């Protein structure tokens, strides 16, 4: 996965619904969110049901790291917006693993930015 596709894939998870998660999450994926803790795939999908999607997300301070040809790690600062709510700022990491010709998310973590 080249860098441009990796960032577009990451943006899909912020802006699209459950169908993007169904397509992109590895069954072993873990996510960590402030105030929610560690979530497995079933908890992630359950949490998305009825939750409003982000209207916009800006990803800055982007960093890409690779572990060989089959693992890519994205690090960035995100600022997400939903309706008239205050912006949500956090530091993020996401790890994708190649599975044949496709890539699956195996880890995502968010830490609130002050």
N, C-alpha and C. Protein backbone atom coordinates (compact mmCIF):
# COMPACT_ATOMS: atom_id res chain seq x y z
N UNK A 1 0.87 -1.17 0.00
CA UNK A 1 0.00 0.00 0.00
C UNK A 1 0.91 1.23 0.00
N UNK A 2 0.71 2.10 -0.98
CA UNK A 2 1.51 3.31 -0.97
C UNK A 2 0.93 4.31 0.03
N UNK A 3 1.69 5.35 0.33
CA UNK A 3 1.30 6.30 1.38
C UNK A 3 -0.04 6.97 1.10
N UNK A 4 -0.27 7.38 -0.14
CA UNK A 4 -1.51 8.08 -0.48
C UNK A 4 -2.73 7.19 -0.23
N UNK A 5 -2.65 5.94 -0.64
CA UNK A 5 -3.76 5.01 -0.41
C UNK A 5 -3.94 4.76 1.08
N UNK A 6 -2.84 4.66 1.82
CA UNK A 6 -2.93 4.44 3.27
C UNK A 6 -3.70 5.57 3.94
N UNK A 7 -3.40 6.81 3.59
CA UNK A 7 -4.09 7.95 4.22
C UNK A 7 -5.56 8.02 3.80
N UNK A 8 -5.86 7.69 2.55
CA UNK A 8 -7.26 7.66 2.11
C UNK A 8 -8.03 6.56 2.84
N UNK A 9 -7.39 5.43 3.05
CA UNK A 9 -8.01 4.32 3.78
C UNK A 9 -8.30 4.75 5.21
N UNK A 10 -7.34 5.40 5.84
CA UNK A 10 -7.52 5.87 7.22
C UNK A 10 -8.67 6.87 7.31
N UNK A 11 -8.75 7.76 6.35
CA UNK A 11 -9.83 8.76 6.34
C UNK A 11 -11.20 8.09 6.21
N UNK A 12 -11.27 7.01 5.46
CA UNK A 12 -12.54 6.29 5.31
C UNK A 12 -13.08 5.84 6.66
N UNK A 13 -12.20 5.39 7.54
CA UNK A 13 -12.64 4.91 8.84
C UNK A 13 -13.19 6.03 9.71
N UNK A 14 -12.75 7.23 9.50
CA UNK A 14 -13.30 8.38 10.22
C UNK A 14 -14.65 8.82 9.65
N UNK A 15 -14.76 8.81 8.33
CA UNK A 15 -15.90 9.47 7.68
C UNK A 15 -17.01 8.52 7.20
N UNK A 16 -16.69 7.28 6.93
CA UNK A 16 -17.70 6.34 6.42
C UNK A 16 -18.30 5.53 7.57
N UNK A 17 -19.29 4.75 7.26
CA UNK A 17 -20.01 3.97 8.26
C UNK A 17 -19.46 2.58 8.47
N UNK A 18 -20.32 1.73 9.02
CA UNK A 18 -19.95 0.37 9.39
C UNK A 18 -19.42 -0.42 8.19
N UNK A 19 -19.90 -0.15 7.00
CA UNK A 19 -19.45 -0.92 5.83
C UNK A 19 -17.94 -0.80 5.62
N UNK A 20 -17.38 0.38 5.88
CA UNK A 20 -15.93 0.55 5.76
C UNK A 20 -15.20 -0.29 6.80
N UNK A 21 -15.74 -0.33 8.01
CA UNK A 21 -15.14 -1.15 9.07
C UNK A 21 -15.23 -2.63 8.72
N UNK A 22 -16.37 -3.06 8.21
CA UNK A 22 -16.52 -4.46 7.80
C UNK A 22 -15.48 -4.84 6.76
N UNK A 23 -15.19 -3.92 5.87
CA UNK A 23 -14.24 -4.18 4.79
C UNK A 23 -12.79 -4.14 5.27
N UNK A 24 -12.47 -3.24 6.18
CA UNK A 24 -11.07 -2.94 6.49
C UNK A 24 -10.53 -3.52 7.79
N UNK A 25 -11.38 -3.92 8.73
CA UNK A 25 -10.89 -4.43 10.01
C UNK A 25 -10.51 -5.90 9.94
N UNK A 26 -9.35 -6.21 10.47
CA UNK A 26 -8.95 -7.59 10.67
C UNK A 26 -9.76 -8.13 11.84
N UNK A 27 -10.15 -9.40 11.84
CA UNK A 27 -10.93 -9.95 12.95
C UNK A 27 -10.24 -9.84 14.31
N UNK A 28 -8.91 -9.68 14.32
CA UNK A 28 -8.17 -9.58 15.58
C UNK A 28 -7.92 -8.13 15.99
N UNK A 29 -8.48 -7.17 15.27
CA UNK A 29 -8.21 -5.75 15.51
C UNK A 29 -8.57 -5.34 16.94
N UNK A 30 -7.71 -4.50 17.52
CA UNK A 30 -7.97 -3.85 18.80
C UNK A 30 -7.89 -2.35 18.60
N UNK A 31 -8.79 -1.63 19.27
CA UNK A 31 -8.77 -0.17 19.25
C UNK A 31 -8.82 0.34 20.68
N UNK A 32 -8.16 1.48 20.90
CA UNK A 32 -8.14 2.11 22.22
C UNK A 32 -8.62 3.54 22.06
N UNK A 33 -9.65 3.89 22.85
CA UNK A 33 -10.22 5.24 22.81
C UNK A 33 -10.26 5.83 24.22
N UNK A 34 -10.03 7.15 24.34
CA UNK A 34 -10.11 7.79 25.64
C UNK A 34 -11.50 7.58 26.26
N UNK A 35 -11.52 7.20 27.51
CA UNK A 35 -12.77 7.01 28.22
C UNK A 35 -13.50 5.72 27.91
N UNK A 36 -13.01 4.96 26.93
CA UNK A 36 -13.67 3.71 26.54
C UNK A 36 -12.78 2.50 26.78
N UNK A 37 -11.48 2.70 26.75
CA UNK A 37 -10.55 1.59 26.95
C UNK A 37 -10.30 0.80 25.68
N UNK A 38 -9.92 -0.45 25.87
CA UNK A 38 -9.57 -1.35 24.77
C UNK A 38 -10.83 -2.05 24.27
N UNK A 39 -11.03 -2.00 22.95
CA UNK A 39 -12.20 -2.60 22.32
C UNK A 39 -11.78 -3.63 21.28
N UNK A 40 -12.48 -4.77 21.27
CA UNK A 40 -12.25 -5.75 20.20
C UNK A 40 -13.24 -5.47 19.07
N UNK A 41 -13.18 -6.24 18.01
CA UNK A 41 -13.97 -5.97 16.81
C UNK A 41 -15.47 -5.92 17.11
N UNK A 42 -15.97 -6.85 17.90
CA UNK A 42 -17.42 -6.85 18.17
C UNK A 42 -17.83 -5.59 18.93
N UNK A 43 -17.01 -5.14 19.88
CA UNK A 43 -17.32 -3.92 20.62
C UNK A 43 -17.19 -2.68 19.73
N UNK A 44 -16.24 -2.70 18.83
CA UNK A 44 -16.06 -1.59 17.89
C UNK A 44 -17.31 -1.44 17.03
N UNK A 45 -17.74 -2.53 16.41
CA UNK A 45 -18.91 -2.49 15.53
C UNK A 45 -20.15 -2.11 16.31
N UNK A 46 -20.33 -2.66 17.50
CA UNK A 46 -21.50 -2.32 18.33
C UNK A 46 -21.50 -0.83 18.68
N UNK A 47 -20.32 -0.28 18.98
CA UNK A 47 -20.21 1.14 19.32
C UNK A 47 -20.54 2.06 18.15
N UNK A 48 -20.37 1.57 16.93
CA UNK A 48 -20.65 2.38 15.75
C UNK A 48 -22.14 2.48 15.45
N UNK A 49 -22.90 1.50 15.91
CA UNK A 49 -24.33 1.50 15.61
C UNK A 49 -24.99 2.71 16.25
N UNK A 50 -25.58 3.52 15.44
CA UNK A 50 -26.28 4.70 15.92
C UNK A 50 -25.38 5.87 16.27
N UNK A 51 -24.07 5.69 16.24
CA UNK A 51 -23.15 6.80 16.55
C UNK A 51 -23.03 7.71 15.34
N UNK A 52 -23.05 9.02 15.55
CA UNK A 52 -22.89 9.93 14.41
C UNK A 52 -21.48 9.83 13.84
N UNK A 53 -21.38 9.88 12.54
CA UNK A 53 -20.07 9.87 11.88
C UNK A 53 -19.48 11.27 11.94
N UNK A 54 -18.21 11.33 11.73
CA UNK A 54 -17.53 12.62 11.68
C UNK A 54 -17.89 13.32 10.38
N UNK A 55 -18.17 14.60 10.45
CA UNK A 55 -18.46 15.38 9.24
C UNK A 55 -17.17 15.71 8.49
N UNK A 56 -16.08 15.82 9.25
CA UNK A 56 -14.80 16.20 8.66
C UNK A 56 -13.69 15.74 9.60
N UNK A 57 -12.55 15.42 9.03
CA UNK A 57 -11.36 15.14 9.83
C UNK A 57 -10.15 15.70 9.09
N UNK A 58 -9.29 16.34 9.85
CA UNK A 58 -8.01 16.82 9.31
C UNK A 58 -6.91 16.03 9.99
N UNK A 59 -6.00 15.48 9.19
CA UNK A 59 -4.88 14.71 9.72
C UNK A 59 -3.59 15.48 9.44
N UNK A 60 -2.91 15.87 10.52
CA UNK A 60 -1.67 16.62 10.37
C UNK A 60 -0.52 15.88 11.05
N UNK A 61 0.67 16.41 10.91
CA UNK A 61 1.87 15.80 11.51
C UNK A 61 1.96 14.32 11.14
N UNK A 62 1.69 14.02 9.90
CA UNK A 62 1.62 12.64 9.41
C UNK A 62 3.01 11.99 9.37
N UNK A 63 3.06 10.76 9.87
CA UNK A 63 4.28 9.95 9.84
C UNK A 63 3.90 8.55 9.37
N UNK A 64 4.72 7.98 8.50
CA UNK A 64 4.51 6.61 8.02
C UNK A 64 5.74 5.79 8.37
N UNK A 65 5.51 4.62 8.94
CA UNK A 65 6.59 3.69 9.25
C UNK A 65 6.22 2.33 8.68
N UNK A 66 7.21 1.60 8.23
CA UNK A 66 6.95 0.29 7.64
C UNK A 66 7.82 -0.76 8.33
N UNK A 67 7.23 -1.93 8.53
CA UNK A 67 7.96 -3.09 9.03
C UNK A 67 7.96 -4.11 7.90
N UNK A 68 8.91 -4.01 7.02
CA UNK A 68 8.95 -4.88 5.84
C UNK A 68 7.89 -4.47 4.83
N UNK A 69 7.46 -5.43 4.02
CA UNK A 69 6.49 -5.16 2.96
C UNK A 69 5.05 -5.40 3.39
N UNK A 70 4.84 -5.92 4.59
CA UNK A 70 3.49 -6.36 4.97
C UNK A 70 2.88 -5.60 6.14
N UNK A 71 3.61 -4.63 6.71
CA UNK A 71 3.06 -3.86 7.84
C UNK A 71 3.36 -2.39 7.63
N UNK A 72 2.31 -1.56 7.79
CA UNK A 72 2.46 -0.12 7.70
C UNK A 72 1.80 0.50 8.94
N UNK A 73 2.50 1.45 9.55
CA UNK A 73 1.99 2.15 10.73
C UNK A 73 1.86 3.63 10.39
N UNK A 74 0.68 4.17 10.65
CA UNK A 74 0.42 5.60 10.46
C UNK A 74 0.36 6.27 11.82
N UNK A 75 1.02 7.40 11.95
CA UNK A 75 0.93 8.22 13.15
C UNK A 75 0.55 9.63 12.73
N UNK A 76 -0.35 10.27 13.50
CA UNK A 76 -0.81 11.60 13.10
C UNK A 76 -1.58 12.27 14.23
N UNK A 77 -1.81 13.56 14.04
CA UNK A 77 -2.72 14.32 14.89
C UNK A 77 -4.01 14.49 14.11
N UNK A 78 -5.13 14.15 14.74
CA UNK A 78 -6.44 14.27 14.09
C UNK A 78 -7.26 15.36 14.75
N UNK A 79 -8.00 16.07 13.92
CA UNK A 79 -9.00 17.01 14.42
C UNK A 79 -10.30 16.69 13.69
N UNK A 80 -11.23 16.11 14.45
CA UNK A 80 -12.51 15.71 13.88
C UNK A 80 -13.62 16.66 14.30
N UNK A 81 -14.62 16.79 13.42
CA UNK A 81 -15.76 17.66 13.70
C UNK A 81 -17.06 16.92 13.43
N UNK A 82 -17.99 17.13 14.36
CA UNK A 82 -19.36 16.61 14.23
C UNK A 82 -20.31 17.76 14.47
N UNK A 83 -21.06 18.12 13.44
CA UNK A 83 -22.06 19.17 13.61
C UNK A 83 -21.49 20.43 14.24
N UNK A 84 -22.20 20.95 15.23
CA UNK A 84 -21.77 22.19 15.90
C UNK A 84 -20.94 21.92 17.15
N UNK A 85 -20.58 20.68 17.41
CA UNK A 85 -19.79 20.34 18.60
C UNK A 85 -18.37 20.89 18.48
N UNK A 86 -17.73 21.05 19.62
CA UNK A 86 -16.33 21.46 19.62
C UNK A 86 -15.49 20.43 18.90
N UNK A 87 -14.40 20.87 18.25
CA UNK A 87 -13.53 19.91 17.57
C UNK A 87 -12.94 18.91 18.57
N UNK A 88 -12.71 17.70 18.10
CA UNK A 88 -12.09 16.64 18.87
C UNK A 88 -10.67 16.50 18.34
N UNK A 89 -9.67 16.72 19.21
CA UNK A 89 -8.26 16.61 18.81
C UNK A 89 -7.62 15.44 19.54
N UNK A 90 -6.91 14.62 18.78
CA UNK A 90 -6.21 13.49 19.39
C UNK A 90 -4.99 13.11 18.57
N UNK A 91 -4.10 12.40 19.24
CA UNK A 91 -2.95 11.79 18.58
C UNK A 91 -3.33 10.35 18.28
N UNK A 92 -3.02 9.87 17.07
CA UNK A 92 -3.47 8.54 16.64
C UNK A 92 -2.32 7.71 16.09
N UNK A 93 -2.47 6.41 16.24
CA UNK A 93 -1.68 5.45 15.48
C UNK A 93 -2.62 4.40 14.93
N UNK A 94 -2.31 3.93 13.74
CA UNK A 94 -3.05 2.84 13.11
C UNK A 94 -2.04 1.92 12.45
N UNK A 95 -2.26 0.61 12.61
CA UNK A 95 -1.37 -0.38 12.02
C UNK A 95 -2.17 -1.26 11.07
N UNK A 96 -1.69 -1.35 9.83
CA UNK A 96 -2.31 -2.18 8.80
C UNK A 96 -1.35 -3.31 8.43
N UNK A 97 -1.93 -4.47 8.13
CA UNK A 97 -1.16 -5.65 7.72
C UNK A 97 -1.69 -6.13 6.37
N UNK A 98 -0.76 -6.47 5.48
CA UNK A 98 -1.15 -7.00 4.17
C UNK A 98 -1.73 -8.39 4.34
N UNK A 99 -2.84 -8.61 3.63
CA UNK A 99 -3.48 -9.92 3.60
C UNK A 99 -3.76 -10.21 2.13
N UNK A 100 -2.80 -10.86 1.49
CA UNK A 100 -2.90 -11.04 0.04
C UNK A 100 -2.74 -9.68 -0.62
N UNK A 101 -3.71 -9.32 -1.46
CA UNK A 101 -3.68 -8.02 -2.14
C UNK A 101 -4.38 -6.92 -1.35
N UNK A 102 -5.03 -7.27 -0.25
CA UNK A 102 -5.73 -6.27 0.55
C UNK A 102 -4.96 -5.99 1.84
N UNK A 103 -5.34 -4.90 2.48
CA UNK A 103 -4.73 -4.50 3.74
C UNK A 103 -5.82 -4.41 4.79
N UNK A 104 -5.53 -4.90 6.00
CA UNK A 104 -6.50 -4.91 7.09
C UNK A 104 -5.92 -4.15 8.29
N UNK A 105 -6.79 -3.40 8.95
CA UNK A 105 -6.41 -2.68 10.16
C UNK A 105 -6.34 -3.66 11.32
N UNK A 106 -5.21 -3.70 12.00
CA UNK A 106 -5.05 -4.59 13.14
C UNK A 106 -4.97 -3.84 14.47
N UNK A 107 -4.76 -2.52 14.41
CA UNK A 107 -4.65 -1.72 15.64
C UNK A 107 -4.93 -0.26 15.34
N UNK A 108 -5.67 0.39 16.25
CA UNK A 108 -5.86 1.83 16.18
C UNK A 108 -5.93 2.35 17.62
N UNK A 109 -5.26 3.47 17.88
CA UNK A 109 -5.22 4.05 19.22
C UNK A 109 -5.37 5.55 19.13
N UNK A 110 -6.10 6.13 20.08
CA UNK A 110 -6.25 7.59 20.16
C UNK A 110 -5.91 8.06 21.57
N UNK A 111 -5.15 9.15 21.65
CA UNK A 111 -4.83 9.82 22.91
C UNK A 111 -5.26 11.26 22.77
N UNK A 112 -6.08 11.76 23.71
CA UNK A 112 -6.53 13.13 23.64
C UNK A 112 -5.36 14.10 23.59
N UNK A 113 -5.48 15.11 22.74
CA UNK A 113 -4.49 16.17 22.67
C UNK A 113 -4.96 17.33 23.55
N UNK A 114 -4.06 17.90 24.27
CA UNK A 114 -4.43 19.04 25.15
C UNK A 114 -4.42 20.34 24.40
